[in-house]
């Protein structure tokens, strides 16, 4: 996973810092973080290898699902993982139909699940 660029989009600074630290240290990835969807979309020319997006973004004008759609419009092959505290089946189905590779619920084990998922996607 070294030399891979991962975008993390989440509106909670402490959460985004945790993800950035974890994946820089454990996986050796290059991480670019964003506090809202608009900033992420503005940087899509960096061609991330993967994007991890919070489903509910309180800051900015774009929802996590809108960010997914913008990424997929630019490059259909960019894998996207959704992180969310919501385990509602309808929400998961909506995200899946938008083209997300994985939907991970933020629970006590989500970092391990995310690490495994990213490893599977990026090799």
PDB file of N, CA and C in Angstrom:
ATOM      1  N   UNK A   1       0.809  -1.204   0.000  1.00  0.00           N
ATOM      2  CA  UNK A   1       0.000   0.000   0.000  1.00  0.00           C
ATOM      3  C   UNK A   1       0.849   1.263   0.000  1.00  0.00           C
ATOM      4  N   UNK A   2       2.128   1.089   0.118  1.00  0.00           N
ATOM      5  CA  UNK A   2       2.995   2.274   0.084  1.00  0.00           C
ATOM      6  C   UNK A   2       2.857   2.973  -1.254  1.00  0.00           C
ATOM      7  N   UNK A   3       3.084   4.265  -1.229  1.00  0.00           N
ATOM      8  CA  UNK A   3       3.005   5.097  -2.428  1.00  0.00           C
ATOM      9  C   UNK A   3       1.596   5.208  -2.997  1.00  0.00           C
ATOM     10  N   UNK A   4       0.592   4.898  -2.213  1.00  0.00           N
ATOM     11  CA  UNK A   4      -0.801   5.058  -2.624  1.00  0.00           C
ATOM     12  C   UNK A   4      -1.354   6.323  -1.980  1.00  0.00           C
ATOM     13  N   UNK A   5      -2.158   7.055  -2.738  1.00  0.00           N
ATOM     14  CA  UNK A   5      -2.780   8.272  -2.232  1.00  0.00           C
ATOM     15  C   UNK A   5      -4.221   7.981  -1.828  1.00  0.00           C
ATOM     16  N   UNK A   6      -4.515   8.253  -0.573  1.00  0.00           N
ATOM     17  CA  UNK A   6      -5.868   8.052  -0.057  1.00  0.00           C
ATOM     18  C   UNK A   6      -6.427   9.390   0.396  1.00  0.00           C
ATOM     19  N   UNK A   7      -7.646   9.695  -0.052  1.00  0.00           N
ATOM     20  CA  UNK A   7      -8.380  10.861   0.419  1.00  0.00           C
ATOM     21  C   UNK A   7      -9.284  10.424   1.562  1.00  0.00           C
ATOM     22  N   UNK A   8      -9.254  11.183   2.669  1.00  0.00           N
ATOM     23  CA  UNK A   8     -10.197  10.995   3.766  1.00  0.00           C
ATOM     24  C   UNK A   8     -11.047  12.252   3.870  1.00  0.00           C
ATOM     25  N   UNK A   9     -12.363  12.079   3.875  1.00  0.00           N
ATOM     26  CA  UNK A   9     -13.280  13.207   3.980  1.00  0.00           C
ATOM     27  C   UNK A   9     -14.178  12.974   5.190  1.00  0.00           C
ATOM     28  N   UNK A  10     -14.036  13.839   6.187  1.00  0.00           N
ATOM     29  CA  UNK A  10     -14.864  13.757   7.394  1.00  0.00           C
ATOM     30  C   UNK A  10     -14.893  15.132   8.031  1.00  0.00           C
ATOM     31  N   UNK A  11     -16.015  15.483   8.610  1.00  0.00           N
ATOM     32  CA  UNK A  11     -16.165  16.814   9.195  1.00  0.00           C
ATOM     33  C   UNK A  11     -15.788  16.872  10.670  1.00  0.00           C
ATOM     34  N   UNK A  12     -15.327  15.769  11.240  1.00  0.00           N
ATOM     35  CA  UNK A  12     -14.902  15.740  12.638  1.00  0.00           C
ATOM     36  C   UNK A  12     -13.372  15.726  12.686  1.00  0.00           C
ATOM     37  N   UNK A  13     -12.751  16.851  13.066  1.00  0.00           N
ATOM     38  CA  UNK A  13     -11.281  16.950  13.042  1.00  0.00           C
ATOM     39  C   UNK A  13     -10.555  15.865  13.845  1.00  0.00           C
ATOM     40  N   UNK A  14     -11.051  15.524  15.022  1.00  0.00           N
ATOM     41  CA  UNK A  14     -10.363  14.496  15.819  1.00  0.00           C
ATOM     42  C   UNK A  14     -10.413  13.148  15.115  1.00  0.00           C
ATOM     43  N   UNK A  15     -11.520  12.864  14.471  1.00  0.00           N
ATOM     44  CA  UNK A  15     -11.672  11.607  13.752  1.00  0.00           C
ATOM     45  C   UNK A  15     -10.742  11.565  12.545  1.00  0.00           C
ATOM     46  N   UNK A  16     -10.673  12.644  11.807  1.00  0.00           N
ATOM     47  CA  UNK A  16      -9.827  12.693  10.617  1.00  0.00           C
ATOM     48  C   UNK A  16      -8.352  12.597  11.016  1.00  0.00           C
ATOM     49  N   UNK A  17      -7.973  13.201  12.150  1.00  0.00           N
ATOM     50  CA  UNK A  17      -6.591  13.093  12.645  1.00  0.00           C
ATOM     51  C   UNK A  17      -6.248  11.654  13.008  1.00  0.00           C
ATOM     52  N   UNK A  18      -7.192  10.950  13.616  1.00  0.00           N
ATOM     53  CA  UNK A  18      -6.986   9.540  13.964  1.00  0.00           C
ATOM     54  C   UNK A  18      -6.755   8.710  12.708  1.00  0.00           C
ATOM     55  N   UNK A  19      -7.583   8.897  11.710  1.00  0.00           N
ATOM     56  CA  UNK A  19      -7.429   8.145  10.466  1.00  0.00           C
ATOM     57  C   UNK A  19      -6.102   8.458   9.782  1.00  0.00           C
ATOM     58  N   UNK A  20      -5.780   9.733   9.721  1.00  0.00           N
ATOM     59  CA  UNK A  20      -4.535  10.146   9.067  1.00  0.00           C
ATOM     60  C   UNK A  20      -3.331   9.520   9.768  1.00  0.00           C
ATOM     61  N   UNK A  21      -3.276   9.612  11.076  1.00  0.00           N
ATOM     62  CA  UNK A  21      -2.170   9.057  11.842  1.00  0.00           C
ATOM     63  C   UNK A  21      -2.079   7.543  11.657  1.00  0.00           C
ATOM     64  N   UNK A  22      -3.218   6.875  11.780  1.00  0.00           N
ATOM     65  CA  UNK A  22      -3.249   5.421  11.687  1.00  0.00           C
ATOM     66  C   UNK A  22      -2.750   4.933  10.340  1.00  0.00           C
ATOM     67  N   UNK A  23      -3.222   5.539   9.277  1.00  0.00           N
ATOM     68  CA  UNK A  23      -2.874   5.026   7.957  1.00  0.00           C
ATOM     69  C   UNK A  23      -1.507   5.474   7.467  1.00  0.00           C
ATOM     70  N   UNK A  24      -1.015   6.588   7.954  1.00  0.00           N
ATOM     71  CA  UNK A  24       0.361   6.970   7.629  1.00  0.00           C
ATOM     72  C   UNK A  24       1.328   6.034   8.327  1.00  0.00           C
ATOM     73  N   UNK A  25       1.056   5.743   9.588  1.00  0.00           N
ATOM     74  CA  UNK A  25       1.973   4.922  10.387  1.00  0.00           C
ATOM     75  C   UNK A  25       1.888   3.443  10.038  1.00  0.00           C
ATOM     76  N   UNK A  26       0.684   2.900   9.975  1.00  0.00           N
ATOM     77  CA  UNK A  26       0.524   1.462   9.774  1.00  0.00           C
ATOM     78  C   UNK A  26       0.665   1.034   8.326  1.00  0.00           C
ATOM     79  N   UNK A  27       0.225   1.860   7.405  1.00  0.00           N
ATOM     80  CA  UNK A  27       0.200   1.436   6.012  1.00  0.00           C
ATOM     81  C   UNK A  27       1.200   2.171   5.142  1.00  0.00           C
ATOM     82  N   UNK A  28       1.764   3.251   5.635  1.00  0.00           N
ATOM     83  CA  UNK A  28       2.727   4.000   4.849  1.00  0.00           C
ATOM     84  C   UNK A  28       2.128   4.696   3.644  1.00  0.00           C
ATOM     85  N   UNK A  29       0.846   4.982   3.700  1.00  0.00           N
ATOM     86  CA  UNK A  29       0.158   5.634   2.586  1.00  0.00           C
ATOM     87  C   UNK A  29       0.339   7.144   2.651  1.00  0.00           C
ATOM     88  N   UNK A  30       0.161   7.782   1.515  1.00  0.00           N
ATOM     89  CA  UNK A  30       0.076   9.236   1.476  1.00  0.00           C
ATOM     90  C   UNK A  30      -1.381   9.589   1.704  1.00  0.00           C
ATOM     91  N   UNK A  31      -1.617  10.462   2.652  1.00  0.00           N
ATOM     92  CA  UNK A  31      -2.981  10.806   3.046  1.00  0.00           C
ATOM     93  C   UNK A  31      -3.243  12.279   2.769  1.00  0.00           C
ATOM     94  N   UNK A  32      -4.400  12.552   2.211  1.00  0.00           N
ATOM     95  CA  UNK A  32      -4.879  13.928   2.039  1.00  0.00           C
ATOM     96  C   UNK A  32      -6.245  13.980   2.707  1.00  0.00           C
ATOM     97  N   UNK A  33      -6.402  14.912   3.651  1.00  0.00           N
ATOM     98  CA  UNK A  33      -7.656  14.984   4.396  1.00  0.00           C
ATOM     99  C   UNK A  33      -8.442  16.233   4.027  1.00  0.00           C
ATOM    100  N   UNK A  34      -9.759  16.106   4.142  1.00  0.00           N
ATOM    101  CA  UNK A  34     -10.664  17.204   3.835  1.00  0.00           C
ATOM    102  C   UNK A  34     -11.782  17.228   4.863  1.00  0.00           C
ATOM    103  N   UNK A  35     -12.169  18.431   5.276  1.00  0.00           N
ATOM    104  CA  UNK A  35     -13.248  18.597   6.247  1.00  0.00           C
ATOM    105  C   UNK A  35     -14.615  18.732   5.614  1.00  0.00           C
ATOM    106  N   UNK A  36     -14.648  18.810   4.279  1.00  0.00           N
ATOM    107  CA  UNK A  36     -15.937  18.880   3.582  1.00  0.00           C
ATOM    108  C   UNK A  36     -15.773  18.330   2.167  1.00  0.00           C
ATOM    109  N   UNK A  37     -16.898  18.057   1.543  1.00  0.00           N
ATOM    110  CA  UNK A  37     -16.892  17.455   0.219  1.00  0.00           C
ATOM    111  C   UNK A  37     -16.376  18.362  -0.879  1.00  0.00           C
ATOM    112  N   UNK A  38     -16.666  19.644  -0.772  1.00  0.00           N
ATOM    113  CA  UNK A  38     -16.247  20.588  -1.808  1.00  0.00           C
ATOM    114  C   UNK A  38     -14.730  20.628  -1.948  1.00  0.00           C
ATOM    115  N   UNK A  39     -14.027  20.636  -0.813  1.00  0.00           N
ATOM    116  CA  UNK A  39     -12.560  20.644  -0.862  1.00  0.00           C
ATOM    117  C   UNK A  39     -12.026  19.370  -1.523  1.00  0.00           C
ATOM    118  N   UNK A  40     -12.637  18.260  -1.197  1.00  0.00           N
ATOM    119  CA  UNK A  40     -12.230  16.993  -1.815  1.00  0.00           C
ATOM    120  C   UNK A  40     -12.406  17.056  -3.330  1.00  0.00           C
ATOM    121  N   UNK A  41     -13.567  17.476  -3.774  1.00  0.00           N
ATOM    122  CA  UNK A  41     -13.857  17.527  -5.208  1.00  0.00           C
ATOM    123  C   UNK A  41     -12.894  18.456  -5.933  1.00  0.00           C
ATOM    124  N   UNK A  42     -12.528  19.561  -5.290  1.00  0.00           N
ATOM    125  CA  UNK A  42     -11.576  20.496  -5.905  1.00  0.00           C
ATOM    126  C   UNK A  42     -10.193  19.880  -6.105  1.00  0.00           C
ATOM    127  N   UNK A  43      -9.888  18.821  -5.376  1.00  0.00           N
ATOM    128  CA  UNK A  43      -8.561  18.193  -5.465  1.00  0.00           C
ATOM    129  C   UNK A  43      -8.570  16.856  -6.226  1.00  0.00           C
ATOM    130  N   UNK A  44      -9.645  16.547  -6.914  1.00  0.00           N
ATOM    131  CA  UNK A  44      -9.714  15.272  -7.621  1.00  0.00           C
ATOM    132  C   UNK A  44      -8.687  15.147  -8.736  1.00  0.00           C
ATOM    133  N   UNK A  45      -8.118  16.271  -9.171  1.00  0.00           N
ATOM    134  CA  UNK A  45      -7.062  16.209 -10.181  1.00  0.00           C
ATOM    135  C   UNK A  45      -5.799  15.527  -9.652  1.00  0.00           C
ATOM    136  N   UNK A  46      -5.732  15.308  -8.340  1.00  0.00           N
ATOM    137  CA  UNK A  46      -4.609  14.580  -7.754  1.00  0.00           C
ATOM    138  C   UNK A  46      -4.737  13.072  -7.998  1.00  0.00           C
ATOM    139  N   UNK A  47      -5.885  12.645  -8.513  1.00  0.00           N
ATOM    140  CA  UNK A  47      -6.152  11.242  -8.852  1.00  0.00           C
ATOM    141  C   UNK A  47      -5.863  10.271  -7.702  1.00  0.00           C
ATOM    142  N   UNK A  48      -6.660  10.353  -6.635  1.00  0.00           N
ATOM    143  CA  UNK A  48      -6.423   9.443  -5.507  1.00  0.00           C
ATOM    144  C   UNK A  48      -6.616   7.987  -5.921  1.00  0.00           C
ATOM    145  N   UNK A  49      -5.893   7.114  -5.235  1.00  0.00           N
ATOM    146  CA  UNK A  49      -6.049   5.678  -5.460  1.00  0.00           C
ATOM    147  C   UNK A  49      -7.287   5.138  -4.761  1.00  0.00           C
ATOM    148  N   UNK A  50      -7.767   5.894  -3.765  1.00  0.00           N
ATOM    149  CA  UNK A  50      -8.925   5.486  -2.967  1.00  0.00           C
ATOM    150  C   UNK A  50      -9.444   6.703  -2.223  1.00  0.00           C
ATOM    151  N   UNK A  51     -10.750   6.744  -1.997  1.00  0.00           N
ATOM    152  CA  UNK A  51     -11.343   7.798  -1.169  1.00  0.00           C
ATOM    153  C   UNK A  51     -12.193   7.145  -0.086  1.00  0.00           C
ATOM    154  N   UNK A  52     -12.047   7.652   1.140  1.00  0.00           N
ATOM    155  CA  UNK A  52     -12.838   7.196   2.276  1.00  0.00           C
ATOM    156  C   UNK A  52     -13.646   8.398   2.737  1.00  0.00           C
ATOM    157  N   UNK A  53     -14.969   8.268   2.703  1.00  0.00           N
ATOM    158  CA  UNK A  53     -15.843   9.413   2.911  1.00  0.00           C
ATOM    159  C   UNK A  53     -16.880   9.126   3.988  1.00  0.00           C
ATOM    160  N   UNK A  54     -17.054  10.087   4.879  1.00  0.00           N
ATOM    161  CA  UNK A  54     -18.124  10.014   5.869  1.00  0.00           C
ATOM    162  C   UNK A  54     -19.445  10.244   5.138  1.00  0.00           C
ATOM    163  N   UNK A  55     -20.434   9.434   5.437  1.00  0.00           N
ATOM    164  CA  UNK A  55     -21.729   9.572   4.762  1.00  0.00           C
ATOM    165  C   UNK A  55     -22.408  10.889   5.109  1.00  0.00           C
ATOM    166  N   UNK A  56     -22.372  11.253   6.395  1.00  0.00           N
ATOM    167  CA  UNK A  56     -23.014  12.486   6.841  1.00  0.00           C
ATOM    168  C   UNK A  56     -21.959  13.564   7.056  1.00  0.00           C
ATOM    169  N   UNK A  57     -21.911  14.524   6.162  1.00  0.00           N
ATOM    170  CA  UNK A  57     -20.987  15.642   6.286  1.00  0.00           C
ATOM    171  C   UNK A  57     -21.784  16.869   6.709  1.00  0.00           C
ATOM    172  N   UNK A  58     -21.544  17.351   7.913  1.00  0.00           N
ATOM    173  CA  UNK A  58     -22.274  18.498   8.447  1.00  0.00           C
ATOM    174  C   UNK A  58     -21.745  19.824   7.913  1.00  0.00           C
ATOM    175  N   UNK A  59     -20.467  19.857   7.544  1.00  0.00           N
ATOM    176  CA  UNK A  59     -19.882  21.094   7.030  1.00  0.00           C
ATOM    177  C   UNK A  59     -19.942  21.087   5.516  1.00  0.00           C
ATOM    178  N   UNK A  60     -19.997  22.245   4.930  1.00  0.00           N
ATOM    179  CA  UNK A  60     -20.059  22.327   3.481  1.00  0.00           C
ATOM    180  C   UNK A  60     -21.457  22.078   2.963  1.00  0.00           C
ATOM    181  N   UNK A  61     -21.573  22.063   1.658  1.00  0.00           N
ATOM    182  CA  UNK A  61     -22.878  21.920   1.016  1.00  0.00           C
ATOM    183  C   UNK A  61     -23.126  20.526   0.464  1.00  0.00           C
ATOM    184  N   UNK A  62     -22.081  19.724   0.339  1.00  0.00           N
ATOM    185  CA  UNK A  62     -22.216  18.400  -0.262  1.00  0.00           C
ATOM    186  C   UNK A  62     -22.367  17.326   0.803  1.00  0.00           C
ATOM    187  N   UNK A  63     -23.223  16.357   0.525  1.00  0.00           N
ATOM    188  CA  UNK A  63     -23.321  15.176   1.381  1.00  0.00           C
ATOM    189  C   UNK A  63     -22.240  14.186   0.948  1.00  0.00           C
ATOM    190  N   UNK A  64     -22.009  13.194   1.773  1.00  0.00           N
ATOM    191  CA  UNK A  64     -21.042  12.161   1.418  1.00  0.00           C
ATOM    192  C   UNK A  64     -21.419  11.463   0.118  1.00  0.00           C
ATOM    193  N   UNK A  65     -22.702  11.222  -0.068  1.00  0.00           N
ATOM    194  CA  UNK A  65     -23.170  10.568  -1.283  1.00  0.00           C
ATOM    195  C   UNK A  65     -22.926  11.434  -2.521  1.00  0.00           C
ATOM    196  N   UNK A  66     -23.086  12.732  -2.388  1.00  0.00           N
ATOM    197  CA  UNK A  66     -22.801  13.642  -3.505  1.00  0.00           C
ATOM    198  C   UNK A  66     -21.312  13.635  -3.855  1.00  0.00           C
ATOM    199  N   UNK A  67     -20.468  13.509  -2.838  1.00  0.00           N
ATOM    200  CA  UNK A  67     -19.024  13.419  -3.086  1.00  0.00           C
ATOM    201  C   UNK A  67     -18.702  12.130  -3.838  1.00  0.00           C
ATOM    202  N   UNK A  68     -19.326  11.038  -3.423  1.00  0.00           N
ATOM    203  CA  UNK A  68     -19.133   9.759  -4.121  1.00  0.00           C
ATOM    204  C   UNK A  68     -19.489   9.916  -5.599  1.00  0.00           C
ATOM    205  N   UNK A  69     -20.629  10.513  -5.867  1.00  0.00           N
ATOM    206  CA  UNK A  69     -21.079  10.679  -7.253  1.00  0.00           C
ATOM    207  C   UNK A  69     -20.122  11.559  -8.053  1.00  0.00           C
ATOM    208  N   UNK A  70     -19.588  12.607  -7.433  1.00  0.00           N
ATOM    209  CA  UNK A  70     -18.624  13.480  -8.117  1.00  0.00           C
ATOM    210  C   UNK A  70     -17.338  12.723  -8.433  1.00  0.00           C
ATOM    211  N   UNK A  71     -16.881  11.901  -7.509  1.00  0.00           N
ATOM    212  CA  UNK A  71     -15.675  11.098  -7.737  1.00  0.00           C
ATOM    213  C   UNK A  71     -15.912  10.118  -8.881  1.00  0.00           C
ATOM    214  N   UNK A  72     -17.030   9.431  -8.844  1.00  0.00           N
ATOM    215  CA  UNK A  72     -17.345   8.434  -9.862  1.00  0.00           C
ATOM    216  C   UNK A  72     -17.550   9.079 -11.233  1.00  0.00           C
ATOM    217  N   UNK A  73     -18.060  10.300 -11.252  1.00  0.00           N
ATOM    218  CA  UNK A  73     -18.235  11.011 -12.520  1.00  0.00           C
ATOM    219  C   UNK A  73     -16.875  11.328 -13.139  1.00  0.00           C
ATOM    220  N   UNK A  74     -15.929  11.702 -12.294  1.00  0.00           N
ATOM    221  CA  UNK A  74     -14.581  12.046 -12.780  1.00  0.00           C
ATOM    222  C   UNK A  74     -13.808  10.806 -13.194  1.00  0.00           C
ATOM    223  N   UNK A  75     -13.863   9.755 -12.365  1.00  0.00           N
ATOM    224  CA  UNK A  75     -13.143   8.518 -12.659  1.00  0.00           C
ATOM    225  C   UNK A  75     -13.904   7.345 -12.050  1.00  0.00           C
ATOM    226  N   UNK A  76     -14.634   6.646 -12.877  1.00  0.00           N
ATOM    227  CA  UNK A  76     -15.464   5.523 -12.439  1.00  0.00           C
ATOM    228  C   UNK A  76     -14.667   4.457 -11.699  1.00  0.00           C
ATOM    229  N   UNK A  77     -13.370   4.339 -11.986  1.00  0.00           N
ATOM    230  CA  UNK A  77     -12.549   3.282 -11.401  1.00  0.00           C
ATOM    231  C   UNK A  77     -11.960   3.616 -10.033  1.00  0.00           C
ATOM    232  N   UNK A  78     -12.137   4.841  -9.553  1.00  0.00           N
ATOM    233  CA  UNK A  78     -11.618   5.178  -8.225  1.00  0.00           C
ATOM    234  C   UNK A  78     -12.483   4.504  -7.166  1.00  0.00           C
ATOM    235  N   UNK A  79     -11.901   3.614  -6.363  1.00  0.00           N
ATOM    236  CA  UNK A  79     -12.680   2.971  -5.320  1.00  0.00           C
ATOM    237  C   UNK A  79     -13.022   3.959  -4.196  1.00  0.00           C
ATOM    238  N   UNK A  80     -14.218   3.819  -3.675  1.00  0.00           N
ATOM    239  CA  UNK A  80     -14.685   4.678  -2.591  1.00  0.00           C
ATOM    240  C   UNK A  80     -15.245   3.805  -1.476  1.00  0.00           C
ATOM    241  N   UNK A  81     -14.864   4.153  -0.250  1.00  0.00           N
ATOM    242  CA  UNK A  81     -15.399   3.496   0.942  1.00  0.00           C
ATOM    243  C   UNK A  81     -16.186   4.542   1.713  1.00  0.00           C
ATOM    244  N   UNK A  82     -17.366   4.166   2.155  1.00  0.00           N
ATOM    245  CA  UNK A  82     -18.181   5.046   3.002  1.00  0.00           C
ATOM    246  C   UNK A  82     -18.017   4.600   4.442  1.00  0.00           C
ATOM    247  N   UNK A  83     -17.797   5.566   5.330  1.00  0.00           N
ATOM    248  CA  UNK A  83     -17.820   5.344   6.770  1.00  0.00           C
ATOM    249  C   UNK A  83     -19.055   6.056   7.311  1.00  0.00           C
ATOM    250  N   UNK A  84     -19.768   5.414   8.203  1.00  0.00           N
ATOM    251  CA  UNK A  84     -20.962   6.051   8.753  1.00  0.00           C
ATOM    252  C   UNK A  84     -21.342   5.424  10.085  1.00  0.00           C
ATOM    253  N   UNK A  85     -21.956   6.238  10.904  1.00  0.00           N
ATOM    254  CA  UNK A  85     -22.544   5.727  12.138  1.00  0.00           C
ATOM    255  C   UNK A  85     -23.912   5.124  11.886  1.00  0.00           C
ATOM    256  N   UNK A  86     -24.411   5.230  10.673  1.00  0.00           N
ATOM    257  CA  UNK A  86     -25.743   4.772  10.297  1.00  0.00           C
ATOM    258  C   UNK A  86     -25.667   3.381   9.688  1.00  0.00           C
ATOM    259  N   UNK A  87     -26.385   2.441  10.275  1.00  0.00           N
ATOM    260  CA  UNK A  87     -26.403   1.078   9.747  1.00  0.00           C
ATOM    261  C   UNK A  87     -27.732   0.753   9.073  1.00  0.00           C
ATOM    262  N   UNK A  88     -28.495   1.776   8.709  1.00  0.00           N
ATOM    263  CA  UNK A  88     -29.790   1.605   8.061  1.00  0.00           C
ATOM    264  C   UNK A  88     -29.611   0.935   6.689  1.00  0.00           C
ATOM    265  N   UNK A  89     -30.377  -0.110   6.437  1.00  0.00           N
ATOM    266  CA  UNK A  89     -30.248  -0.878   5.192  1.00  0.00           C
ATOM    267  C   UNK A  89     -30.526  -0.020   3.958  1.00  0.00           C
ATOM    268  N   UNK A  90     -31.464   0.905   4.040  1.00  0.00           N
ATOM    269  CA  UNK A  90     -31.778   1.767   2.901  1.00  0.00           C
ATOM    270  C   UNK A  90     -30.604   2.673   2.571  1.00  0.00           C
ATOM    271  N   UNK A  91     -29.955   3.222   3.598  1.00  0.00           N
ATOM    272  CA  UNK A  91     -28.794   4.085   3.399  1.00  0.00           C
ATOM    273  C   UNK A  91     -27.651   3.295   2.773  1.00  0.00           C
ATOM    274  N   UNK A  92     -27.426   2.101   3.260  1.00  0.00           N
ATOM    275  CA  UNK A  92     -26.364   1.244   2.718  1.00  0.00           C
ATOM    276  C   UNK A  92     -26.653   0.904   1.257  1.00  0.00           C
ATOM    277  N   UNK A  93     -27.897   0.580   0.946  1.00  0.00           N
ATOM    278  CA  UNK A  93     -28.276   0.258  -0.435  1.00  0.00           C
ATOM    279  C   UNK A  93     -28.088   1.458  -1.355  1.00  0.00           C
ATOM    280  N   UNK A  94     -28.429   2.641  -0.867  1.00  0.00           N
ATOM    281  CA  UNK A  94     -28.261   3.862  -1.656  1.00  0.00           C
ATOM    282  C   UNK A  94     -26.783   4.102  -1.971  1.00  0.00           C
ATOM    283  N   UNK A  95     -25.937   3.922  -0.972  1.00  0.00           N
ATOM    284  CA  UNK A  95     -24.495   4.107  -1.169  1.00  0.00           C
ATOM    285  C   UNK A  95     -23.943   3.056  -2.126  1.00  0.00           C
ATOM    286  N   UNK A  96     -24.380   1.840  -1.968  1.00  0.00           N
ATOM    287  CA  UNK A  96     -23.917   0.761  -2.836  1.00  0.00           C
ATOM    288  C   UNK A  96     -24.314   1.010  -4.281  1.00  0.00           C
ATOM    289  N   UNK A  97     -25.536   1.478  -4.488  1.00  0.00           N
ATOM    290  CA  UNK A  97     -25.977   1.747  -5.862  1.00  0.00           C
ATOM    291  C   UNK A  97     -25.218   2.921  -6.486  1.00  0.00           C
ATOM    292  N   UNK A  98     -24.641   3.791  -5.657  1.00  0.00           N
ATOM    293  CA  UNK A  98     -23.832   4.905  -6.171  1.00  0.00           C
ATOM    294  C   UNK A  98     -22.426   4.449  -6.556  1.00  0.00           C
ATOM    295  N   UNK A  99     -22.088   3.208  -6.230  1.00  0.00           N
ATOM    296  CA  UNK A  99     -20.807   2.659  -6.662  1.00  0.00           C
ATOM    297  C   UNK A  99     -19.737   2.518  -5.598  1.00  0.00           C
ATOM    298  N   UNK A 100     -20.109   2.590  -4.309  1.00  0.00           N
ATOM    299  CA  UNK A 100     -19.082   2.437  -3.279  1.00  0.00           C
ATOM    300  C   UNK A 100     -18.598   0.989  -3.231  1.00  0.00           C
ATOM    301  N   UNK A 101     -17.318   0.841  -2.950  1.00  0.00           N
ATOM    302  CA  UNK A 101     -16.727  -0.491  -2.852  1.00  0.00           C
ATOM    303  C   UNK A 101     -17.102  -1.166  -1.542  1.00  0.00           C
ATOM    304  N   UNK A 102     -17.261  -0.351  -0.501  1.00  0.00           N
ATOM    305  CA  UNK A 102     -17.573  -0.893   0.831  1.00  0.00           C
ATOM    306  C   UNK A 102     -18.261   0.174   1.662  1.00  0.00           C
ATOM    307  N   UNK A 103     -19.142  -0.264   2.541  1.00  0.00           N
ATOM    308  CA  UNK A 103     -19.829   0.612   3.489  1.00  0.00           C
ATOM    309  C   UNK A 103     -19.480   0.077   4.870  1.00  0.00           C
ATOM    310  N   UNK A 104     -18.769   0.854   5.647  1.00  0.00           N
ATOM    311  CA  UNK A 104     -18.316   0.415   6.973  1.00  0.00           C
ATOM    312  C   UNK A 104     -18.986   1.263   8.037  1.00  0.00           C
ATOM    313  N   UNK A 105     -19.608   0.588   8.981  1.00  0.00           N
ATOM    314  CA  UNK A 105     -20.267   1.277  10.090  1.00  0.00           C
ATOM    315  C   UNK A 105     -19.226   1.593  11.157  1.00  0.00           C
ATOM    316  N   UNK A 106     -19.247   2.842  11.620  1.00  0.00           N
ATOM    317  CA  UNK A 106     -18.326   3.269  12.682  1.00  0.00           C
ATOM    318  C   UNK A 106     -18.768   2.616  13.983  1.00  0.00           C
ATOM    319  N   UNK A 107     -18.019   1.592  14.375  1.00  0.00           N
ATOM    320  CA  UNK A 107     -18.264   0.923  15.642  1.00  0.00           C
ATOM    321  C   UNK A 107     -16.914   0.741  16.326  1.00  0.00           C
ATOM    322  N   UNK A 108     -16.852  -0.066  17.337  1.00  0.00           N
ATOM    323  CA  UNK A 108     -15.615  -0.256  18.079  1.00  0.00           C
ATOM    324  C   UNK A 108     -14.490  -0.905  17.281  1.00  0.00           C
ATOM    325  N   UNK A 109     -14.806  -1.512  16.149  1.00  0.00           N
ATOM    326  CA  UNK A 109     -13.812  -2.244  15.358  1.00  0.00           C
ATOM    327  C   UNK A 109     -13.635  -1.673  13.951  1.00  0.00           C
ATOM    328  N   UNK A 110     -14.161  -0.487  13.713  1.00  0.00           N
ATOM    329  CA  UNK A 110     -14.167   0.017  12.342  1.00  0.00           C
ATOM    330  C   UNK A 110     -12.761   0.281  11.794  1.00  0.00           C
ATOM    331  N   UNK A 111     -11.801   0.654  12.634  1.00  0.00           N
ATOM    332  CA  UNK A 111     -10.434   0.901  12.136  1.00  0.00           C
ATOM    333  C   UNK A 111      -9.852  -0.390  11.570  1.00  0.00           C
ATOM    334  N   UNK A 112     -10.030  -1.502  12.287  1.00  0.00           N
ATOM    335  CA  UNK A 112      -9.540  -2.787  11.790  1.00  0.00           C
ATOM    336  C   UNK A 112     -10.238  -3.174  10.494  1.00  0.00           C
ATOM    337  N   UNK A 113     -11.556  -2.974  10.434  1.00  0.00           N
ATOM    338  CA  UNK A 113     -12.308  -3.283   9.217  1.00  0.00           C
ATOM    339  C   UNK A 113     -11.843  -2.410   8.063  1.00  0.00           C
ATOM    340  N   UNK A 114     -11.626  -1.134   8.348  1.00  0.00           N
ATOM    341  CA  UNK A 114     -11.181  -0.209   7.314  1.00  0.00           C
ATOM    342  C   UNK A 114      -9.793  -0.578   6.810  1.00  0.00           C
ATOM    343  N   UNK A 115      -8.893  -0.909   7.715  1.00  0.00           N
ATOM    344  CA  UNK A 115      -7.538  -1.309   7.333  1.00  0.00           C
ATOM    345  C   UNK A 115      -7.583  -2.547   6.435  1.00  0.00           C
ATOM    346  N   UNK A 116      -8.386  -3.517   6.804  1.00  0.00           N
ATOM    347  CA  UNK A 116      -8.511  -4.743   6.003  1.00  0.00           C
ATOM    348  C   UNK A 116      -9.104  -4.424   4.622  1.00  0.00           C
ATOM    349  N   UNK A 117     -10.123  -3.611   4.603  1.00  0.00           N
ATOM    350  CA  UNK A 117     -10.782  -3.247   3.348  1.00  0.00           C
ATOM    351  C   UNK A 117      -9.823  -2.494   2.422  1.00  0.00           C
ATOM    352  N   UNK A 118      -9.093  -1.527   2.965  1.00  0.00           N
ATOM    353  CA  UNK A 118      -8.134  -0.768   2.165  1.00  0.00           C
ATOM    354  C   UNK A 118      -7.034  -1.688   1.651  1.00  0.00           C
ATOM    355  N   UNK A 119      -6.576  -2.587   2.479  1.00  0.00           N
ATOM    356  CA  UNK A 119      -5.544  -3.547   2.063  1.00  0.00           C
ATOM    357  C   UNK A 119      -6.046  -4.428   0.928  1.00  0.00           C
ATOM    358  N   UNK A 120      -7.301  -4.866   1.008  1.00  0.00           N
ATOM    359  CA  UNK A 120      -7.878  -5.687  -0.052  1.00  0.00           C
ATOM    360  C   UNK A 120      -8.022  -4.915  -1.360  1.00  0.00           C
ATOM    361  N   UNK A 121      -8.393  -3.650  -1.270  1.00  0.00           N
ATOM    362  CA  UNK A 121      -8.606  -2.842  -2.469  1.00  0.00           C
ATOM    363  C   UNK A 121      -7.280  -2.432  -3.115  1.00  0.00           C
ATOM    364  N   UNK A 122      -6.353  -1.979  -2.290  1.00  0.00           N
ATOM    365  CA  UNK A 122      -5.092  -1.459  -2.831  1.00  0.00           C
ATOM    366  C   UNK A 122      -3.970  -2.477  -2.911  1.00  0.00           C
ATOM    367  N   UNK A 123      -4.169  -3.610  -2.245  1.00  0.00           N
ATOM    368  CA  UNK A 123      -3.157  -4.672  -2.293  1.00  0.00           C
ATOM    369  C   UNK A 123      -1.993  -4.331  -1.488  1.00  0.00           C
TER     370      UNK A 123
END
